[in-house]
Amino acid sequence: MSEKSKVTAALLCFFFGALGIHRFYVGKVGTGLLYLFTAGLAGFGAIIDFFVIIFGKFRDKEGRLLK
């Protein structure tokens, strides 16, 4: 289990998903930059990530589920 919080990641995704801040938070810098330069994959990636986080399936850089 990751030391990163699911609630924090969900809030970051909700408010700053298009900037990829939630991905930087969990250590996924490469996809964070992708989201930053593509506006969260035109918003669709951020929306999908939000639901994945809410349902508890989002993983950090090490592949661990968020707590």
PDB file of N, CA and C in Angstrom:
ATOM      1  N   MET A   1       0.845  -1.177   0.000  1.00  0.00           N
ATOM      2  CA  MET A   1       0.000   0.000   0.000  1.00  0.00           C
ATOM      3  C   MET A   1       0.892   1.243   0.000  1.00  0.00           C
ATOM      4  N   SER A   2       0.537   2.187  -0.819  1.00  0.00           N
ATOM      5  CA  SER A   2       1.299   3.418  -0.966  1.00  0.00           C
ATOM      6  C   SER A   2       1.119   4.327   0.245  1.00  0.00           C
ATOM      7  N   GLU A   3       2.081   5.209   0.466  1.00  0.00           N
ATOM      8  CA  GLU A   3       1.940   6.205   1.525  1.00  0.00           C
ATOM      9  C   GLU A   3       1.172   7.428   1.030  1.00  0.00           C
ATOM     10  N   LYS A   4       0.867   7.474  -0.249  1.00  0.00           N
ATOM     11  CA  LYS A   4       0.109   8.585  -0.844  1.00  0.00           C
ATOM     12  C   LYS A   4      -1.382   8.389  -0.585  1.00  0.00           C
ATOM     13  N   SER A   5      -2.083   9.490  -0.341  1.00  0.00           N
ATOM     14  CA  SER A   5      -3.492   9.455   0.015  1.00  0.00           C
ATOM     15  C   SER A   5      -4.402   9.479  -1.214  1.00  0.00           C
ATOM     16  N   LYS A   6      -5.410   8.623  -1.190  1.00  0.00           N
ATOM     17  CA  LYS A   6      -6.401   8.582  -2.264  1.00  0.00           C
ATOM     18  C   LYS A   6      -7.231   9.870  -2.268  1.00  0.00           C
ATOM     19  N   VAL A   7      -7.551  10.387  -1.085  1.00  0.00           N
ATOM     20  CA  VAL A   7      -8.352  11.614  -0.982  1.00  0.00           C
ATOM     21  C   VAL A   7      -7.589  12.793  -1.569  1.00  0.00           C
ATOM     22  N   THR A   8      -6.307  12.910  -1.235  1.00  0.00           N
ATOM     23  CA  THR A   8      -5.488  13.999  -1.768  1.00  0.00           C
ATOM     24  C   THR A   8      -5.381  13.898  -3.279  1.00  0.00           C
ATOM     25  N   ALA A   9      -5.136  12.701  -3.775  1.00  0.00           N
ATOM     26  CA  ALA A   9      -5.021  12.498  -5.220  1.00  0.00           C
ATOM     27  C   ALA A   9      -6.337  12.841  -5.921  1.00  0.00           C
ATOM     28  N   ALA A  10      -7.468  12.458  -5.322  1.00  0.00           N
ATOM     29  CA  ALA A  10      -8.771  12.746  -5.920  1.00  0.00           C
ATOM     30  C   ALA A  10      -9.032  14.253  -5.964  1.00  0.00           C
ATOM     31  N   LEU A  11      -8.693  14.960  -4.895  1.00  0.00           N
ATOM     32  CA  LEU A  11      -8.891  16.412  -4.869  1.00  0.00           C
ATOM     33  C   LEU A  11      -7.985  17.105  -5.876  1.00  0.00           C
ATOM     34  N   LEU A  12      -6.735  16.680  -5.948  1.00  0.00           N
ATOM     35  CA  LEU A  12      -5.825  17.260  -6.933  1.00  0.00           C
ATOM     36  C   LEU A  12      -6.308  16.997  -8.349  1.00  0.00           C
ATOM     37  N   CYS A  13      -6.814  15.810  -8.580  1.00  0.00           N
ATOM     38  CA  CYS A  13      -7.321  15.473  -9.910  1.00  0.00           C
ATOM     39  C   CYS A  13      -8.565  16.289 -10.248  1.00  0.00           C
ATOM     40  N   PHE A  14      -9.454  16.452  -9.278  1.00  0.00           N
ATOM     41  CA  PHE A  14     -10.684  17.196  -9.514  1.00  0.00           C
ATOM     42  C   PHE A  14     -10.406  18.659  -9.860  1.00  0.00           C
ATOM     43  N   PHE A  15      -9.501  19.283  -9.096  1.00  0.00           N
ATOM     44  CA  PHE A  15      -9.247  20.707  -9.285  1.00  0.00           C
ATOM     45  C   PHE A  15      -8.147  21.014 -10.304  1.00  0.00           C
ATOM     46  N   PHE A  16      -7.153  20.130 -10.410  1.00  0.00           N
ATOM     47  CA  PHE A  16      -6.007  20.394 -11.281  1.00  0.00           C
ATOM     48  C   PHE A  16      -5.713  19.242 -12.238  1.00  0.00           C
ATOM     49  N   GLY A  17      -6.711  18.440 -12.557  1.00  0.00           N
ATOM     50  CA  GLY A  17      -6.518  17.263 -13.397  1.00  0.00           C
ATOM     51  C   GLY A  17      -5.949  17.579 -14.770  1.00  0.00           C
ATOM     52  N   ALA A  18      -6.377  18.686 -15.350  1.00  0.00           N
ATOM     53  CA  ALA A  18      -5.892  19.048 -16.682  1.00  0.00           C
ATOM     54  C   ALA A  18      -4.412  19.403 -16.673  1.00  0.00           C
ATOM     55  N   LEU A  19      -3.885  19.738 -15.504  1.00  0.00           N
ATOM     56  CA  LEU A  19      -2.462  20.055 -15.386  1.00  0.00           C
ATOM     57  C   LEU A  19      -1.636  18.836 -14.975  1.00  0.00           C
ATOM     58  N   GLY A  20      -2.304  17.745 -14.631  1.00  0.00           N
ATOM     59  CA  GLY A  20      -1.603  16.515 -14.262  1.00  0.00           C
ATOM     60  C   GLY A  20      -0.986  16.532 -12.872  1.00  0.00           C
ATOM     61  N   ILE A  21      -1.421  17.449 -12.022  1.00  0.00           N
ATOM     62  CA  ILE A  21      -0.831  17.584 -10.686  1.00  0.00           C
ATOM     63  C   ILE A  21      -0.986  16.294  -9.875  1.00  0.00           C
ATOM     64  N   HIS A  22      -2.099  15.602 -10.020  1.00  0.00           N
ATOM     65  CA  HIS A  22      -2.307  14.349  -9.291  1.00  0.00           C
ATOM     66  C   HIS A  22      -1.282  13.295  -9.695  1.00  0.00           C
ATOM     67  N   ARG A  23      -0.847  13.317 -10.954  1.00  0.00           N
ATOM     68  CA  ARG A  23       0.159  12.360 -11.419  1.00  0.00           C
ATOM     69  C   ARG A  23       1.536  12.710 -10.875  1.00  0.00           C
ATOM     70  N   PHE A  24       1.847  13.993 -10.798  1.00  0.00           N
ATOM     71  CA  PHE A  24       3.102  14.398 -10.160  1.00  0.00           C
ATOM     72  C   PHE A  24       3.097  13.982  -8.686  1.00  0.00           C
ATOM     73  N   TYR A  25       1.950  14.125  -8.023  1.00  0.00           N
ATOM     74  CA  TYR A  25       1.814  13.776  -6.604  1.00  0.00           C
ATOM     75  C   TYR A  25       2.170  12.313  -6.337  1.00  0.00           C
ATOM     76  N   VAL A  26       1.758  11.412  -7.202  1.00  0.00           N
ATOM     77  CA  VAL A  26       2.040   9.988  -6.988  1.00  0.00           C
ATOM     78  C   VAL A  26       3.361   9.547  -7.612  1.00  0.00           C
ATOM     79  N   GLY A  27       4.097  10.489  -8.201  1.00  0.00           N
ATOM     80  CA  GLY A  27       5.423  10.187  -8.716  1.00  0.00           C
ATOM     81  C   GLY A  27       5.485   9.846 -10.194  1.00  0.00           C
ATOM     82  N   LYS A  28       4.387   9.954 -10.893  1.00  0.00           N
ATOM     83  CA  LYS A  28       4.353   9.634 -12.322  1.00  0.00           C
ATOM     84  C   LYS A  28       4.660  10.898 -13.126  1.00  0.00           C
ATOM     85  N   VAL A  29       5.932  11.273 -13.153  1.00  0.00           N
ATOM     86  CA  VAL A  29       6.351  12.530 -13.768  1.00  0.00           C
ATOM     87  C   VAL A  29       6.148  12.523 -15.278  1.00  0.00           C
ATOM     88  N   GLY A  30       6.445  11.437 -15.927  1.00  0.00           N
ATOM     89  CA  GLY A  30       6.300  11.361 -17.380  1.00  0.00           C
ATOM     90  C   GLY A  30       4.874  11.606 -17.836  1.00  0.00           C
ATOM     91  N   THR A  31       3.927  10.914 -17.240  1.00  0.00           N
ATOM     92  CA  THR A  31       2.532  11.133 -17.628  1.00  0.00           C
ATOM     93  C   THR A  31       2.008  12.453 -17.075  1.00  0.00           C
ATOM     94  N   GLY A  32       2.597  12.931 -15.991  1.00  0.00           N
ATOM     95  CA  GLY A  32       2.244  14.259 -15.494  1.00  0.00           C
ATOM     96  C   GLY A  32       2.582  15.326 -16.518  1.00  0.00           C
ATOM     97  N   LEU A  33       3.753  15.206 -17.121  1.00  0.00           N
ATOM     98  CA  LEU A  33       4.142  16.151 -18.172  1.00  0.00           C
ATOM     99  C   LEU A  33       3.240  16.012 -19.399  1.00  0.00           C
ATOM    100  N   LEU A  34       2.891  14.784 -19.747  1.00  0.00           N
ATOM    101  CA  LEU A  34       1.976  14.559 -20.861  1.00  0.00           C
ATOM    102  C   LEU A  34       0.647  15.257 -20.608  1.00  0.00           C
ATOM    103  N   TYR A  35       0.095  15.101 -19.414  1.00  0.00           N
ATOM    104  CA  TYR A  35      -1.169  15.757 -19.070  1.00  0.00           C
ATOM    105  C   TYR A  35      -1.006  17.272 -19.074  1.00  0.00           C
ATOM    106  N   LEU A  36       0.131  17.754 -18.596  1.00  0.00           N
ATOM    107  CA  LEU A  36       0.379  19.192 -18.546  1.00  0.00           C
ATOM    108  C   LEU A  36       0.358  19.798 -19.946  1.00  0.00           C
ATOM    109  N   PHE A  37       0.989  19.142 -20.906  1.00  0.00           N
ATOM    110  CA  PHE A  37       1.100  19.690 -22.256  1.00  0.00           C
ATOM    111  C   PHE A  37      -0.094  19.383 -23.162  1.00  0.00           C
ATOM    112  N   THR A  38      -0.980  18.458 -22.738  1.00  0.00           N
ATOM    113  CA  THR A  38      -2.149  18.120 -23.561  1.00  0.00           C
ATOM    114  C   THR A  38      -3.465  18.448 -22.859  1.00  0.00           C
ATOM    115  N   ALA A  39      -3.386  19.245 -21.800  1.00  0.00           N
ATOM    116  CA  ALA A  39      -4.584  19.619 -21.013  1.00  0.00           C
ATOM    117  C   ALA A  39      -5.329  18.374 -20.530  1.00  0.00           C
ATOM    118  N   GLY A  40      -4.583  17.478 -19.905  1.00  0.00           N
ATOM    119  CA  GLY A  40      -5.202  16.262 -19.365  1.00  0.00           C
ATOM    120  C   GLY A  40      -5.766  15.365 -20.435  1.00  0.00           C
ATOM    121  N   LEU A  41      -5.023  15.262 -21.548  1.00  0.00           N
ATOM    122  CA  LEU A  41      -5.469  14.488 -22.715  1.00  0.00           C
ATOM    123  C   LEU A  41      -6.856  14.969 -23.145  1.00  0.00           C
ATOM    124  N   ALA A  42      -6.934  16.288 -23.311  1.00  0.00           N
ATOM    125  CA  ALA A  42      -8.165  16.985 -23.717  1.00  0.00           C
ATOM    126  C   ALA A  42      -9.288  16.798 -22.690  1.00  0.00           C
ATOM    127  N   GLY A  43      -8.910  16.603 -21.444  1.00  0.00           N
ATOM    128  CA  GLY A  43      -9.891  16.464 -20.369  1.00  0.00           C
ATOM    129  C   GLY A  43     -10.343  15.044 -20.124  1.00  0.00           C
ATOM    130  N   PHE A  44     -10.284  14.203 -21.135  1.00  0.00           N
ATOM    131  CA  PHE A  44     -10.760  12.826 -20.986  1.00  0.00           C
ATOM    132  C   PHE A  44      -9.887  12.014 -20.032  1.00  0.00           C
ATOM    133  N   GLY A  45      -8.586  12.189 -20.127  1.00  0.00           N
ATOM    134  CA  GLY A  45      -7.675  11.457 -19.247  1.00  0.00           C
ATOM    135  C   GLY A  45      -7.880  11.828 -17.797  1.00  0.00           C
ATOM    136  N   ALA A  46      -8.088  13.109 -17.540  1.00  0.00           N
ATOM    137  CA  ALA A  46      -8.301  13.573 -16.172  1.00  0.00           C
ATOM    138  C   ALA A  46      -9.607  13.019 -15.597  1.00  0.00           C
ATOM    139  N   ILE A  47     -10.647  12.976 -16.419  1.00  0.00           N
ATOM    140  CA  ILE A  47     -11.934  12.438 -15.964  1.00  0.00           C
ATOM    141  C   ILE A  47     -11.805  10.950 -15.659  1.00  0.00           C
ATOM    142  N   ILE A  48     -11.150  10.221 -16.535  1.00  0.00           N
ATOM    143  CA  ILE A  48     -10.946   8.789 -16.313  1.00  0.00           C
ATOM    144  C   ILE A  48     -10.117   8.560 -15.057  1.00  0.00           C
ATOM    145  N   ASP A  49      -9.035   9.329 -14.903  1.00  0.00           N
ATOM    146  CA  ASP A  49      -8.201   9.199 -13.705  1.00  0.00           C
ATOM    147  C   ASP A  49      -9.002   9.462 -12.438  1.00  0.00           C
ATOM    148  N   PHE A  50      -9.876  10.467 -12.462  1.00  0.00           N
ATOM    149  CA  PHE A  50     -10.682  10.797 -11.288  1.00  0.00           C
ATOM    150  C   PHE A  50     -11.510   9.600 -10.849  1.00  0.00           C
ATOM    151  N   PHE A  51     -12.176   8.950 -11.796  1.00  0.00           N
ATOM    152  CA  PHE A  51     -12.994   7.797 -11.438  1.00  0.00           C
ATOM    153  C   PHE A  51     -12.146   6.604 -11.007  1.00  0.00           C
ATOM    154  N   VAL A  52     -10.993   6.423 -11.621  1.00  0.00           N
ATOM    155  CA  VAL A  52     -10.098   5.336 -11.213  1.00  0.00           C
ATOM    156  C   VAL A  52      -9.614   5.568  -9.785  1.00  0.00           C
ATOM    157  N   ILE A  53      -9.313   6.811  -9.445  1.00  0.00           N
ATOM    158  CA  ILE A  53      -8.893   7.136  -8.074  1.00  0.00           C
ATOM    159  C   ILE A  53     -10.036   6.875  -7.096  1.00  0.00           C
ATOM    160  N   ILE A  54     -11.221   7.352  -7.422  1.00  0.00           N
ATOM    161  CA  ILE A  54     -12.384   7.193  -6.541  1.00  0.00           C
ATOM    162  C   ILE A  54     -12.685   5.716  -6.277  1.00  0.00           C
ATOM    163  N   PHE A  55     -12.580   4.895  -7.301  1.00  0.00           N
ATOM    164  CA  PHE A  55     -12.875   3.469  -7.138  1.00  0.00           C
ATOM    165  C   PHE A  55     -11.708   2.668  -6.576  1.00  0.00           C
ATOM    166  N   GLY A  56     -10.603   3.346  -6.248  1.00  0.00           N
ATOM    167  CA  GLY A  56      -9.506   2.708  -5.544  1.00  0.00           C
ATOM    168  C   GLY A  56      -8.576   1.866  -6.386  1.00  0.00           C
ATOM    169  N   LYS A  57      -8.503   2.109  -7.671  1.00  0.00           N
ATOM    170  CA  LYS A  57      -7.646   1.309  -8.547  1.00  0.00           C
ATOM    171  C   LYS A  57      -6.418   2.063  -9.039  1.00  0.00           C
ATOM    172  N   PHE A  58      -6.254   3.326  -8.646  1.00  0.00           N
ATOM    173  CA  PHE A  58      -5.123   4.137  -9.093  1.00  0.00           C
ATOM    174  C   PHE A  58      -3.871   3.730  -8.334  1.00  0.00           C
ATOM    175  N   ARG A  59      -2.750   3.659  -9.018  1.00  0.00           N
ATOM    176  CA  ARG A  59      -1.494   3.206  -8.408  1.00  0.00           C
ATOM    177  C   ARG A  59      -0.432   4.295  -8.481  1.00  0.00           C
ATOM    178  N   ASP A  60       0.501   4.248  -7.549  1.00  0.00           N
ATOM    179  CA  ASP A  60       1.604   5.211  -7.550  1.00  0.00           C
ATOM    180  C   ASP A  60       2.716   4.728  -8.480  1.00  0.00           C
ATOM    181  N   LYS A  61       3.832   5.429  -8.460  1.00  0.00           N
ATOM    182  CA  LYS A  61       4.966   5.121  -9.334  1.00  0.00           C
ATOM    183  C   LYS A  61       5.474   3.703  -9.130  1.00  0.00           C
ATOM    184  N   GLU A  62       5.404   3.215  -7.909  1.00  0.00           N
ATOM    185  CA  GLU A  62       5.900   1.876  -7.570  1.00  0.00           C
ATOM    186  C   GLU A  62       4.866   0.775  -7.841  1.00  0.00           C
ATOM    187  N   GLY A  63       3.691   1.151  -8.319  1.00  0.00           N
ATOM    188  CA  GLY A  63       2.653   0.169  -8.603  1.00  0.00           C
ATOM    189  C   GLY A  63       1.801  -0.198  -7.416  1.00  0.00           C
ATOM    190  N   ARG A  64       1.908   0.565  -6.330  1.00  0.00           N
ATOM    191  CA  ARG A  64       1.119   0.278  -5.123  1.00  0.00           C
ATOM    192  C   ARG A  64      -0.176   1.087  -5.136  1.00  0.00           C
ATOM    193  N   LEU A  65      -1.251   0.495  -4.644  1.00  0.00           N
ATOM    194  CA  LEU A  65      -2.522   1.189  -4.544  1.00  0.00           C
ATOM    195  C   LEU A  65      -2.427   2.310  -3.517  1.00  0.00           C
ATOM    196  N   LEU A  66      -3.167   3.384  -3.756  1.00  0.00           N
ATOM    197  CA  LEU A  66      -3.176   4.510  -2.813  1.00  0.00           C
ATOM    198  C   LEU A  66      -3.959   4.136  -1.576  1.00  0.00           C
ATOM    199  N   LYS A  67      -3.563   4.710  -0.422  1.00  0.00           N
ATOM    200  CA  LYS A  67      -4.277   4.391   0.824  1.00  0.00           C
ATOM    201  C   LYS A  67      -5.473   5.284   1.027  1.00  0.00           C
TER     202      LYS A  67
END
